[in-house]
Amino acid sequence: MYLEHFGIRELPFSLTPNTEFFLNMASYHKAYNMLMVSIANMEGFIKVVGEVGTGKTMLCRKVLNSLEEDKETYITAYIANPVLSPKGLFLAFAEELGLQVDNDIGHHSLLKQITKVLMERSAEGRQVVLFIDEAHAMPEKTLEALRLLTNLETEQAKLFQVILFAQPELDEMLSQPSLRQLLQRITFSYRLESLDREGLERYVSHRLSTAGYNGAAVFTSRALDDLQAASRGTPRLVNILSHKGMMVAFGRGDRQVDREHIEKAIEDTEGVEPIKRSLSAVQMAGIGLGTVGILLALYMLNFYVR
């Protein structure tokens, strides 16, 4: 690969949500702070929404890691695939809490065991936080069952909190009258935005330096312009195109990624915007002369045919 060629120790644009590469810039910094403050205040439901590839899982892992550093205060539960029935969700939650229950257990018995563990953790002064990734994929009945589960509480506080990470489709689901009670439970909500041009440049530079690079800019300004235009600032697409651009540069023996390398990356990637360039005056003049030549040739051909 190109690690030695560019003088880095690991791939800077891997799609794995490695929190070492987390960039604490405006949108993500606000979202992270909102989550940490809301969790500390034991708010109810919290929702983070973002388009595909905007870094929701990375943010989720970052918050999880922060809470796990304080195991005396927090107990975290994480469900990555919530396409479950209501009972399936309860079983997954029970497993995350360390319960060993049979899949054939009755709904009432399962709920009693979960409640018992939550009460014990609350008595210990520990706070349970349930993270659900890809929450937009949850069936409506499962979302409603989750709301009912959060009715578990003491006189002082809820027994656990729920953090939902989802695509915008979740907002459409929550707008349905049948889920209005769940919508009212969401005390804080945040929407992750795509990177602007300045943010993209910081993002690319940060990932390269985190990977061990220390030198002149690897990506030219024109290459970054094309990255922004093609990816629309979506971090996942930025990673894919940047990785491929570096591979093209490495294959050609170039030490810097320029526009032509990114163009090749774009051609090789689905789901990105093609680059539309305005023609220069010289190119326009060339086209004009070419058009005149073609018209003249057609006129002469017509003359001789006659």
C-alpha atoms as a PDB file:
ATOM      1  CA  MET A   1       0.000   0.000   0.000  1.00  0.00           C
ATOM      2  CA  TYR A   2       1.046   3.654   0.079  1.00  0.00           C
ATOM      3  CA  LEU A   3       1.997   3.973   3.786  1.00  0.00           C
ATOM      4  CA  GLU A   4       5.752   4.088   3.265  1.00  0.00           C
ATOM      5  CA  HIS A   5       5.407   6.194   0.117  1.00  0.00           C
ATOM      6  CA  PHE A   6       3.676   9.006   2.036  1.00  0.00           C
ATOM      7  CA  GLY A   7       5.455   8.397   5.350  1.00  0.00           C
ATOM      8  CA  ILE A   8       2.473   7.373   7.470  1.00  0.00           C
ATOM      9  CA  ARG A   9       2.039   4.504   9.914  1.00  0.00           C
ATOM     10  CA  GLU A  10      -1.603   3.572   9.240  1.00  0.00           C
ATOM     11  CA  LEU A  11      -4.331   4.160   6.692  1.00  0.00           C
ATOM     12  CA  PRO A  12      -5.747   7.645   7.334  1.00  0.00           C
ATOM     13  CA  PHE A  13      -9.058   7.188   5.537  1.00  0.00           C
ATOM     14  CA  SER A  14     -10.282   3.812   6.746  1.00  0.00           C
ATOM     15  CA  LEU A  15     -14.068   3.432   6.961  1.00  0.00           C
ATOM     16  CA  THR A  16     -13.808   1.780  10.390  1.00  0.00           C
ATOM     17  CA  PRO A  17     -15.157   4.217  13.043  1.00  0.00           C
ATOM     18  CA  ASN A  18     -11.857   4.533  14.934  1.00  0.00           C
ATOM     19  CA  THR A  19     -12.395   7.214  17.592  1.00  0.00           C
ATOM     20  CA  GLU A  20      -8.713   8.159  17.498  1.00  0.00           C
ATOM     21  CA  PHE A  21      -9.583   9.945  14.250  1.00  0.00           C
ATOM     22  CA  PHE A  22     -12.522  11.828  15.787  1.00  0.00           C
ATOM     23  CA  LEU A  23     -12.306  15.506  14.837  1.00  0.00           C
ATOM     24  CA  ASN A  24     -13.727  17.801  17.505  1.00  0.00           C
ATOM     25  CA  MET A  25     -14.947  20.452  15.074  1.00  0.00           C
ATOM     26  CA  ALA A  26     -18.052  22.643  15.322  1.00  0.00           C
ATOM     27  CA  SER A  27     -20.946  20.314  14.441  1.00  0.00           C
ATOM     28  CA  TYR A  28     -19.491  17.253  16.167  1.00  0.00           C
ATOM     29  CA  HIS A  29     -18.235  19.240  19.146  1.00  0.00           C
ATOM     30  CA  LYS A  30     -21.740  20.617  19.774  1.00  0.00           C
ATOM     31  CA  ALA A  31     -23.317  17.187  19.356  1.00  0.00           C
ATOM     32  CA  TYR A  32     -20.799  15.559  21.708  1.00  0.00           C
ATOM     33  CA  ASN A  33     -21.272  18.250  24.367  1.00  0.00           C
ATOM     34  CA  MET A  34     -25.054  18.054  24.076  1.00  0.00           C
ATOM     35  CA  LEU A  35     -24.946  14.298  24.594  1.00  0.00           C
ATOM     36  CA  MET A  36     -22.579  14.387  27.550  1.00  0.00           C
ATOM     37  CA  VAL A  37     -24.530  17.151  29.335  1.00  0.00           C
ATOM     38  CA  SER A  38     -27.884  15.457  28.655  1.00  0.00           C
ATOM     39  CA  ILE A  39     -26.585  12.132  29.961  1.00  0.00           C
ATOM     40  CA  ALA A  40     -25.148  13.783  33.077  1.00  0.00           C
ATOM     41  CA  ASN A  41     -28.539  15.414  33.731  1.00  0.00           C
ATOM     42  CA  MET A  42     -30.308  12.071  33.218  1.00  0.00           C
ATOM     43  CA  GLU A  43     -32.589  13.352  30.478  1.00  0.00           C
ATOM     44  CA  GLY A  44     -35.000  10.909  28.832  1.00  0.00           C
ATOM     45  CA  PHE A  45     -34.743  10.168  25.128  1.00  0.00           C
ATOM     46  CA  ILE A  46     -32.010  11.873  23.123  1.00  0.00           C
ATOM     47  CA  LYS A  47     -31.894  11.778  19.321  1.00  0.00           C
ATOM     48  CA  VAL A  48     -29.027  12.404  16.888  1.00  0.00           C
ATOM     49  CA  VAL A  49     -29.947  12.438  13.209  1.00  0.00           C
ATOM     50  CA  GLY A  50     -27.700  12.625  10.165  1.00  0.00           C
ATOM     51  CA  GLU A  51     -27.604  11.581   6.539  1.00  0.00           C
ATOM     52  CA  VAL A  52     -25.800   8.416   5.454  1.00  0.00           C
ATOM     53  CA  GLY A  53     -22.068   8.681   6.065  1.00  0.00           C
ATOM     54  CA  THR A  54     -22.081  11.815   8.234  1.00  0.00           C
ATOM     55  CA  GLY A  55     -20.344  10.141  11.183  1.00  0.00           C
ATOM     56  CA  LYS A  56     -23.158   9.080  13.492  1.00  0.00           C
ATOM     57  CA  THR A  57     -21.499   5.789  14.453  1.00  0.00           C
ATOM     58  CA  MET A  58     -18.178   7.539  15.071  1.00  0.00           C
ATOM     59  CA  LEU A  59     -19.900   9.999  17.408  1.00  0.00           C
ATOM     60  CA  CYS A  60     -21.749   7.158  19.115  1.00  0.00           C
ATOM     61  CA  ARG A  61     -18.495   5.270  19.742  1.00  0.00           C
ATOM     62  CA  LYS A  62     -16.818   8.435  21.024  1.00  0.00           C
ATOM     63  CA  VAL A  63     -19.551   8.998  23.630  1.00  0.00           C
ATOM     64  CA  LEU A  64     -19.559   5.306  24.550  1.00  0.00           C
ATOM     65  CA  ASN A  65     -15.807   5.355  25.121  1.00  0.00           C
ATOM     66  CA  SER A  66     -16.081   8.480  27.272  1.00  0.00           C
ATOM     67  CA  LEU A  67     -18.733   6.906  29.495  1.00  0.00           C
ATOM     68  CA  GLU A  68     -16.864   3.610  29.776  1.00  0.00           C
ATOM     69  CA  GLU A  69     -13.929   5.485  31.286  1.00  0.00           C
ATOM     70  CA  ASP A  70     -16.172   6.114  34.302  1.00  0.00           C
ATOM     71  CA  LYS A  71     -17.439   2.607  35.032  1.00  0.00           C
ATOM     72  CA  GLU A  72     -18.294   3.515  38.614  1.00  0.00           C
ATOM     73  CA  THR A  73     -20.964   5.914  37.360  1.00  0.00           C
ATOM     74  CA  TYR A  74     -22.139   4.582  34.009  1.00  0.00           C
ATOM     75  CA  ILE A  75     -23.202   1.252  32.553  1.00  0.00           C
ATOM     76  CA  THR A  76     -23.529   1.339  28.785  1.00  0.00           C
ATOM     77  CA  ALA A  77     -25.602  -0.907  26.549  1.00  0.00           C
ATOM     78  CA  TYR A  78     -25.205  -0.819  22.769  1.00  0.00           C
ATOM     79  CA  ILE A  79     -27.539  -2.254  20.121  1.00  0.00           C
ATOM     80  CA  ALA A  80     -26.145  -1.924  16.603  1.00  0.00           C
ATOM     81  CA  ASN A  81     -28.901  -3.756  14.731  1.00  0.00           C
ATOM     82  CA  PRO A  82     -32.331  -2.761  16.062  1.00  0.00           C
ATOM     83  CA  VAL A  83     -34.368  -4.555  13.397  1.00  0.00           C
ATOM     84  CA  LEU A  84     -35.976  -6.560  16.175  1.00  0.00           C
ATOM     85  CA  SER A  85     -39.364  -7.460  17.518  1.00  0.00           C
ATOM     86  CA  PRO A  86     -40.314  -5.886  20.859  1.00  0.00           C
ATOM     87  CA  LYS A  87     -39.280  -9.052  22.681  1.00  0.00           C
ATOM     88  CA  GLY A  88     -36.104  -9.240  20.605  1.00  0.00           C
ATOM     89  CA  LEU A  89     -35.221  -5.722  21.732  1.00  0.00           C
ATOM     90  CA  PHE A  90     -35.819  -6.628  25.390  1.00  0.00           C
ATOM     91  CA  LEU A  91     -33.660  -9.755  25.018  1.00  0.00           C
ATOM     92  CA  ALA A  92     -30.854  -7.727  23.434  1.00  0.00           C
ATOM     93  CA  PHE A  93     -31.064  -5.152  26.232  1.00  0.00           C
ATOM     94  CA  ALA A  94     -31.025  -7.896  28.862  1.00  0.00           C
ATOM     95  CA  GLU A  95     -27.916  -9.408  27.284  1.00  0.00           C
ATOM     96  CA  GLU A  96     -26.172  -6.023  27.316  1.00  0.00           C
ATOM     97  CA  LEU A  97     -27.020  -5.740  31.019  1.00  0.00           C
ATOM     98  CA  GLY A  98     -25.295  -9.058  31.655  1.00  0.00           C
ATOM     99  CA  LEU A  99     -28.452 -11.106  32.158  1.00  0.00           C
ATOM    100  CA  GLN A 100     -28.529 -14.700  31.014  1.00  0.00           C
ATOM    101  CA  VAL A 101     -32.081 -15.478  29.989  1.00  0.00           C
ATOM    102  CA  ASP A 102     -33.637 -18.155  27.831  1.00  0.00           C
ATOM    103  CA  ASN A 103     -35.073 -17.025  24.498  1.00  0.00           C
ATOM    104  CA  ASP A 104     -38.318 -18.785  25.429  1.00  0.00           C
ATOM    105  CA  ILE A 105     -38.783 -16.708  28.553  1.00  0.00           C
ATOM    106  CA  GLY A 106     -42.180 -15.045  28.877  1.00  0.00           C
ATOM    107  CA  HIS A 107     -42.528 -11.325  28.254  1.00  0.00           C
ATOM    108  CA  HIS A 108     -43.596 -10.571  31.829  1.00  0.00           C
ATOM    109  CA  SER A 109     -40.748 -12.583  33.381  1.00  0.00           C
ATOM    110  CA  LEU A 110     -38.228 -10.931  31.071  1.00  0.00           C
ATOM    111  CA  LEU A 111     -39.452  -7.475  32.002  1.00  0.00           C
ATOM    112  CA  LYS A 112     -39.247  -8.350  35.718  1.00  0.00           C
ATOM    113  CA  GLN A 113     -35.618  -9.437  35.393  1.00  0.00           C
ATOM    114  CA  ILE A 114     -34.659  -6.302  33.484  1.00  0.00           C
ATOM    115  CA  THR A 115     -36.429  -4.137  36.067  1.00  0.00           C
ATOM    116  CA  LYS A 116     -34.666  -5.914  38.926  1.00  0.00           C
ATOM    117  CA  VAL A 117     -31.215  -5.308  37.429  1.00  0.00           C
ATOM    118  CA  LEU A 118     -32.008  -1.671  36.668  1.00  0.00           C
ATOM    119  CA  MET A 119     -33.240  -1.129  40.237  1.00  0.00           C
ATOM    120  CA  GLU A 120     -30.058  -2.697  41.619  1.00  0.00           C
ATOM    121  CA  ARG A 121     -27.838  -0.497  39.463  1.00  0.00           C
ATOM    122  CA  SER A 122     -29.823   2.582  40.475  1.00  0.00           C
ATOM    123  CA  ALA A 123     -29.413   1.685  44.160  1.00  0.00           C
ATOM    124  CA  GLU A 124     -25.658   1.475  43.554  1.00  0.00           C
ATOM    125  CA  GLY A 125     -25.733   5.006  42.178  1.00  0.00           C
ATOM    126  CA  ARG A 126     -24.920   3.812  38.685  1.00  0.00           C
ATOM    127  CA  GLN A 127     -26.586   5.130  35.558  1.00  0.00           C
ATOM    128  CA  VAL A 128     -27.608   2.859  32.649  1.00  0.00           C
ATOM    129  CA  VAL A 129     -27.465   4.362  29.164  1.00  0.00           C
ATOM    130  CA  LEU A 130     -28.813   2.463  26.151  1.00  0.00           C
ATOM    131  CA  PHE A 131     -27.371   3.427  22.760  1.00  0.00           C
ATOM    132  CA  ILE A 132     -29.307   2.355  19.660  1.00  0.00           C
ATOM    133  CA  ASP A 133     -27.592   2.817  16.308  1.00  0.00           C
ATOM    134  CA  GLU A 134     -29.520   2.803  13.006  1.00  0.00           C
ATOM    135  CA  ALA A 135     -32.686   3.548  15.000  1.00  0.00           C
ATOM    136  CA  HIS A 136     -34.571   4.473  11.820  1.00  0.00           C
ATOM    137  CA  ALA A 137     -34.622   0.751  10.986  1.00  0.00           C
ATOM    138  CA  MET A 138     -36.648  -0.138  14.094  1.00  0.00           C
ATOM    139  CA  PRO A 139     -40.194  -1.371  13.437  1.00  0.00           C
ATOM    140  CA  GLU A 140     -42.904   0.939  14.741  1.00  0.00           C
ATOM    141  CA  LYS A 141     -44.091  -1.625  17.307  1.00  0.00           C
ATOM    142  CA  THR A 142     -40.554  -1.941  18.655  1.00  0.00           C
ATOM    143  CA  LEU A 143     -40.213   1.827  18.992  1.00  0.00           C
ATOM    144  CA  GLU A 144     -43.450   1.916  20.972  1.00  0.00           C
ATOM    145  CA  ALA A 145     -42.281  -0.992  23.149  1.00  0.00           C
ATOM    146  CA  LEU A 146     -39.080   0.945  23.849  1.00  0.00           C
ATOM    147  CA  ARG A 147     -41.127   3.926  24.984  1.00  0.00           C
ATOM    148  CA  LEU A 148     -43.141   1.740  27.339  1.00  0.00           C
ATOM    149  CA  LEU A 149     -39.938   0.224  28.706  1.00  0.00           C
ATOM    150  CA  THR A 150     -38.688   3.681  29.646  1.00  0.00           C
ATOM    151  CA  ASN A 151     -41.681   4.038  31.966  1.00  0.00           C
ATOM    152  CA  LEU A 152     -39.555   2.148  34.474  1.00  0.00           C
ATOM    153  CA  GLU A 153     -38.518   4.685  37.084  1.00  0.00           C
ATOM    154  CA  THR A 154     -38.085   5.416  40.755  1.00  0.00           C
ATOM    155  CA  GLU A 155     -39.653   8.388  42.517  1.00  0.00           C
ATOM    156  CA  GLN A 156     -36.487  10.366  41.796  1.00  0.00           C
ATOM    157  CA  ALA A 157     -35.391   9.382  38.288  1.00  0.00           C
ATOM    158  CA  LYS A 158     -35.695   7.162  35.247  1.00  0.00           C
ATOM    159  CA  LEU A 159     -33.941   3.804  35.540  1.00  0.00           C
ATOM    160  CA  PHE A 160     -32.158   4.229  32.220  1.00  0.00           C
ATOM    161  CA  GLN A 161     -31.685   6.618  29.319  1.00  0.00           C
ATOM    162  CA  VAL A 162     -31.976   6.034  25.577  1.00  0.00           C
ATOM    163  CA  ILE A 163     -29.781   7.622  22.897  1.00  0.00           C
ATOM    164  CA  LEU A 164     -31.030   7.151  19.326  1.00  0.00           C
ATOM    165  CA  PHE A 165     -28.698   7.553  16.325  1.00  0.00           C
ATOM    166  CA  ALA A 166     -30.549   7.525  13.042  1.00  0.00           C
ATOM    167  CA  GLN A 167     -30.991   8.723   9.495  1.00  0.00           C
ATOM    168  CA  PRO A 168     -33.641  11.409   8.803  1.00  0.00           C
ATOM    169  CA  GLU A 169     -36.202   8.682   8.120  1.00  0.00           C
ATOM    170  CA  LEU A 170     -36.641   8.433  11.897  1.00  0.00           C
ATOM    171  CA  ASP A 171     -38.071  11.963  11.969  1.00  0.00           C
ATOM    172  CA  GLU A 172     -40.622  10.914   9.360  1.00  0.00           C
ATOM    173  CA  MET A 173     -41.600   7.924  11.502  1.00  0.00           C
ATOM    174  CA  LEU A 174     -41.940  10.033  14.640  1.00  0.00           C
ATOM    175  CA  SER A 175     -44.263  12.445  12.836  1.00  0.00           C
ATOM    176  CA  GLN A 176     -46.914   9.708  12.693  1.00  0.00           C
ATOM    177  CA  PRO A 177     -49.772  10.149  15.187  1.00  0.00           C
ATOM    178  CA  SER A 178     -49.205   6.633  16.526  1.00  0.00           C
ATOM    179  CA  LEU A 179     -45.722   7.622  17.762  1.00  0.00           C
ATOM    180  CA  ARG A 180     -46.560  11.071  19.122  1.00  0.00           C
ATOM    181  CA  GLN A 181     -46.022   9.922  22.713  1.00  0.00           C
ATOM    182  CA  LEU A 182     -42.479   8.832  21.910  1.00  0.00           C
ATOM    183  CA  LEU A 183     -41.823  12.121  20.108  1.00  0.00           C
ATOM    184  CA  GLN A 184     -42.829  13.995  23.273  1.00  0.00           C
ATOM    185  CA  ARG A 185     -40.318  11.969  25.282  1.00  0.00           C
ATOM    186  CA  ILE A 186     -37.378  13.234  23.221  1.00  0.00           C
ATOM    187  CA  THR A 187     -35.917  16.012  25.319  1.00  0.00           C
ATOM    188  CA  PHE A 188     -32.890  16.836  23.161  1.00  0.00           C
ATOM    189  CA  SER A 189     -32.277  16.406  19.460  1.00  0.00           C
ATOM    190  CA  TYR A 190     -29.356  17.235  17.178  1.00  0.00           C
ATOM    191  CA  ARG A 191     -28.797  17.013  13.430  1.00  0.00           C
ATOM    192  CA  LEU A 192     -25.295  16.374  12.096  1.00  0.00           C
ATOM    193  CA  GLU A 193     -24.378  18.481   9.075  1.00  0.00           C
ATOM    194  CA  SER A 194     -21.991  17.726   6.212  1.00  0.00           C
ATOM    195  CA  LEU A 195     -18.555  19.333   6.063  1.00  0.00           C
ATOM    196  CA  ASP A 196     -18.138  22.675   4.345  1.00  0.00           C
ATOM    197  CA  ARG A 197     -15.007  23.394   2.292  1.00  0.00           C
ATOM    198  CA  GLU A 198     -13.015  24.686   5.277  1.00  0.00           C
ATOM    199  CA  GLY A 199     -14.187  21.819   7.447  1.00  0.00           C
ATOM    200  CA  LEU A 200     -13.252  19.285   4.795  1.00  0.00           C
ATOM    201  CA  GLU A 201      -9.708  20.646   4.605  1.00  0.00           C
ATOM    202  CA  ARG A 202      -9.374  20.404   8.397  1.00  0.00           C
ATOM    203  CA  TYR A 203     -10.858  16.906   8.323  1.00  0.00           C
ATOM    204  CA  VAL A 204      -8.409  15.622   5.704  1.00  0.00           C
ATOM    205  CA  SER A 205      -5.417  17.259   7.419  1.00  0.00           C
ATOM    206  CA  HIS A 206      -6.468  15.904  10.826  1.00  0.00           C
ATOM    207  CA  ARG A 207      -6.792  12.334   9.608  1.00  0.00           C
ATOM    208  CA  LEU A 208      -3.415  12.454   7.884  1.00  0.00           C
ATOM    209  CA  SER A 209      -1.638  13.860  10.954  1.00  0.00           C
ATOM    210  CA  THR A 210      -3.377  11.316  13.217  1.00  0.00           C
ATOM    211  CA  ALA A 211      -2.088   8.590  10.902  1.00  0.00           C
ATOM    212  CA  GLY A 212       1.434   9.873  11.458  1.00  0.00           C
ATOM    213  CA  TYR A 213       2.003  12.241   8.559  1.00  0.00           C
ATOM    214  CA  ASN A 214       4.213  15.258   9.184  1.00  0.00           C
ATOM    215  CA  GLY A 215       5.060  17.275   6.116  1.00  0.00           C
ATOM    216  CA  ALA A 216       3.780  19.554   3.393  1.00  0.00           C
ATOM    217  CA  ALA A 217       0.133  19.323   2.358  1.00  0.00           C
ATOM    218  CA  VAL A 218      -0.605  16.006   0.652  1.00  0.00           C
ATOM    219  CA  PHE A 219      -3.753  17.254  -1.106  1.00  0.00           C
ATOM    220  CA  THR A 220      -3.581  20.325  -3.317  1.00  0.00           C
ATOM    221  CA  SER A 221      -6.210  23.044  -3.018  1.00  0.00           C
ATOM    222  CA  ARG A 222      -7.700  22.008  -6.381  1.00  0.00           C
ATOM    223  CA  ALA A 223      -7.916  18.393  -5.231  1.00  0.00           C
ATOM    224  CA  LEU A 224      -9.760  19.489  -2.078  1.00  0.00           C
ATOM    225  CA  ASP A 225     -12.140  21.583  -4.183  1.00  0.00           C
ATOM    226  CA  ASP A 226     -13.029  18.498  -6.200  1.00  0.00           C
ATOM    227  CA  LEU A 227     -13.341  16.393  -3.054  1.00  0.00           C
ATOM    228  CA  GLN A 228     -15.868  18.879  -1.685  1.00  0.00           C
ATOM    229  CA  ALA A 229     -17.841  19.039  -4.923  1.00  0.00           C
ATOM    230  CA  ALA A 230     -17.975  15.283  -5.443  1.00  0.00           C
ATOM    231  CA  SER A 231     -18.615  14.200  -1.843  1.00  0.00           C
ATOM    232  CA  ARG A 232     -20.901  17.110  -0.878  1.00  0.00           C
ATOM    233  CA  GLY A 233     -18.960  17.107   2.397  1.00  0.00           C
ATOM    234  CA  THR A 234     -20.071  13.637   3.485  1.00  0.00           C
ATOM    235  CA  PRO A 235     -17.216  12.217   5.610  1.00  0.00           C
ATOM    236  CA  ARG A 236     -17.618   8.639   4.399  1.00  0.00           C
ATOM    237  CA  LEU A 237     -17.365   9.704   0.749  1.00  0.00           C
ATOM    238  CA  VAL A 238     -14.441  11.988   1.595  1.00  0.00           C
ATOM    239  CA  ASN A 239     -12.668   8.962   3.080  1.00  0.00           C
ATOM    240  CA  ILE A 240     -13.350   6.784   0.047  1.00  0.00           C
ATOM    241  CA  LEU A 241     -12.241   9.381  -2.495  1.00  0.00           C
ATOM    242  CA  SER A 242      -9.191  10.473  -0.479  1.00  0.00           C
ATOM    243  CA  HIS A 243      -8.032   6.873  -0.097  1.00  0.00           C
ATOM    244  CA  LYS A 244      -8.426   6.192  -3.805  1.00  0.00           C
ATOM    245  CA  GLY A 245      -6.774   9.495  -4.697  1.00  0.00           C
ATOM    246  CA  MET A 246      -3.729   8.552  -2.624  1.00  0.00           C
ATOM    247  CA  MET A 247      -3.643   5.137  -4.289  1.00  0.00           C
ATOM    248  CA  VAL A 248      -3.629   6.750  -7.742  1.00  0.00           C
ATOM    249  CA  ALA A 249      -0.854   9.150  -6.717  1.00  0.00           C
ATOM    250  CA  PHE A 250       1.162   6.271  -5.269  1.00  0.00           C
ATOM    251  CA  GLY A 251       0.697   4.226  -8.441  1.00  0.00           C
ATOM    252  CA  ARG A 252       2.087   7.101 -10.491  1.00  0.00           C
ATOM    253  CA  GLY A 253       4.924   7.796  -8.088  1.00  0.00           C
ATOM    254  CA  ASP A 254       3.558  11.241  -7.139  1.00  0.00           C
ATOM    255  CA  ARG A 255       4.076  12.664  -3.655  1.00  0.00           C
ATOM    256  CA  GLN A 256       1.062  14.936  -3.796  1.00  0.00           C
ATOM    257  CA  VAL A 257      -2.583  14.266  -4.603  1.00  0.00           C
ATOM    258  CA  ASP A 258      -3.797  16.654  -7.286  1.00  0.00           C
ATOM    259  CA  ARG A 259      -6.986  17.154  -9.272  1.00  0.00           C
ATOM    260  CA  GLU A 260      -6.227  14.434 -11.821  1.00  0.00           C
ATOM    261  CA  HIS A 261      -5.819  11.839  -9.067  1.00  0.00           C
ATOM    262  CA  ILE A 262      -9.163  12.775  -7.515  1.00  0.00           C
ATOM    263  CA  GLU A 263     -10.787  12.668 -10.958  1.00  0.00           C
ATOM    264  CA  LYS A 264      -9.720   9.048 -11.316  1.00  0.00           C
ATOM    265  CA  ALA A 265     -11.054   8.311  -7.837  1.00  0.00           C
ATOM    266  CA  ILE A 266     -14.391   9.898  -8.724  1.00  0.00           C
ATOM    267  CA  GLU A 267     -14.654   7.861 -11.933  1.00  0.00           C
ATOM    268  CA  ASP A 268     -14.137   4.705  -9.863  1.00  0.00           C
ATOM    269  CA  THR A 269     -16.736   5.530  -7.197  1.00  0.00           C
ATOM    270  CA  GLU A 270     -20.504   5.253  -7.296  1.00  0.00           C
ATOM    271  CA  GLY A 271     -22.760   7.709  -5.501  1.00  0.00           C
ATOM    272  CA  VAL A 272     -20.589  10.805  -5.943  1.00  0.00           C
ATOM    273  CA  GLU A 273     -21.223  13.952  -7.924  1.00  0.00           C
ATOM    274  CA  PRO A 274     -19.419  14.179 -11.286  1.00  0.00           C
ATOM    275  CA  ILE A 275     -17.245  17.267 -11.560  1.00  0.00           C
ATOM    276  CA  LYS A 276     -18.627  19.902 -13.922  1.00  0.00           C
ATOM    277  CA  ARG A 277     -15.986  22.319 -15.096  1.00  0.00           C
ATOM    278  CA  SER A 278     -16.494  25.583 -16.962  1.00  0.00           C
ATOM    279  CA  LEU A 279     -14.438  25.792 -20.135  1.00  0.00           C
ATOM    280  CA  SER A 280     -11.601  28.294 -20.351  1.00  0.00           C
ATOM    281  CA  ALA A 281     -11.510  31.019 -22.994  1.00  0.00           C
ATOM    282  CA  VAL A 282      -8.866  29.088 -24.934  1.00  0.00           C
ATOM    283  CA  GLN A 283     -11.001  25.924 -24.875  1.00  0.00           C
ATOM    284  CA  MET A 284     -14.065  27.906 -25.980  1.00  0.00           C
ATOM    285  CA  ALA A 285     -12.092  29.438 -28.824  1.00  0.00           C
ATOM    286  CA  GLY A 286     -10.945  25.982 -29.872  1.00  0.00           C
ATOM    287  CA  ILE A 287     -14.510  24.733 -29.901  1.00  0.00           C
ATOM    288  CA  GLY A 288     -15.574  27.785 -31.916  1.00  0.00           C
ATOM    289  CA  LEU A 289     -12.870  27.227 -34.531  1.00  0.00           C
ATOM    290  CA  GLY A 290     -13.709  23.564 -34.680  1.00  0.00           C
ATOM    291  CA  THR A 291     -17.382  24.352 -35.255  1.00  0.00           C
ATOM    292  CA  VAL A 292     -16.539  26.820 -38.045  1.00  0.00           C
ATOM    293  CA  GLY A 293     -14.341  24.193 -39.685  1.00  0.00           C
ATOM    294  CA  ILE A 294     -17.096  21.588 -39.563  1.00  0.00           C
ATOM    295  CA  LEU A 295     -19.669  23.986 -41.046  1.00  0.00           C
ATOM    296  CA  LEU A 296     -17.240  24.997 -43.794  1.00  0.00           C
ATOM    297  CA  ALA A 297     -16.558  21.370 -44.653  1.00  0.00           C
ATOM    298  CA  LEU A 298     -20.280  20.620 -44.856  1.00  0.00           C
ATOM    299  CA  TYR A 299     -20.814  23.661 -47.123  1.00  0.00           C
ATOM    300  CA  MET A 300     -18.034  22.562 -49.508  1.00  0.00           C
ATOM    301  CA  LEU A 301     -19.356  19.012 -49.562  1.00  0.00           C
ATOM    302  CA  ASN A 302     -22.820  20.302 -50.463  1.00  0.00           C
ATOM    303  CA  PHE A 303     -21.322  22.559 -53.191  1.00  0.00           C
ATOM    304  CA  TYR A 304     -19.485  19.702 -54.896  1.00  0.00           C
ATOM    305  CA  VAL A 305     -22.454  17.354 -54.623  1.00  0.00           C
ATOM    306  CA  ARG A 306     -24.459  19.896 -56.563  1.00  0.00           C
END
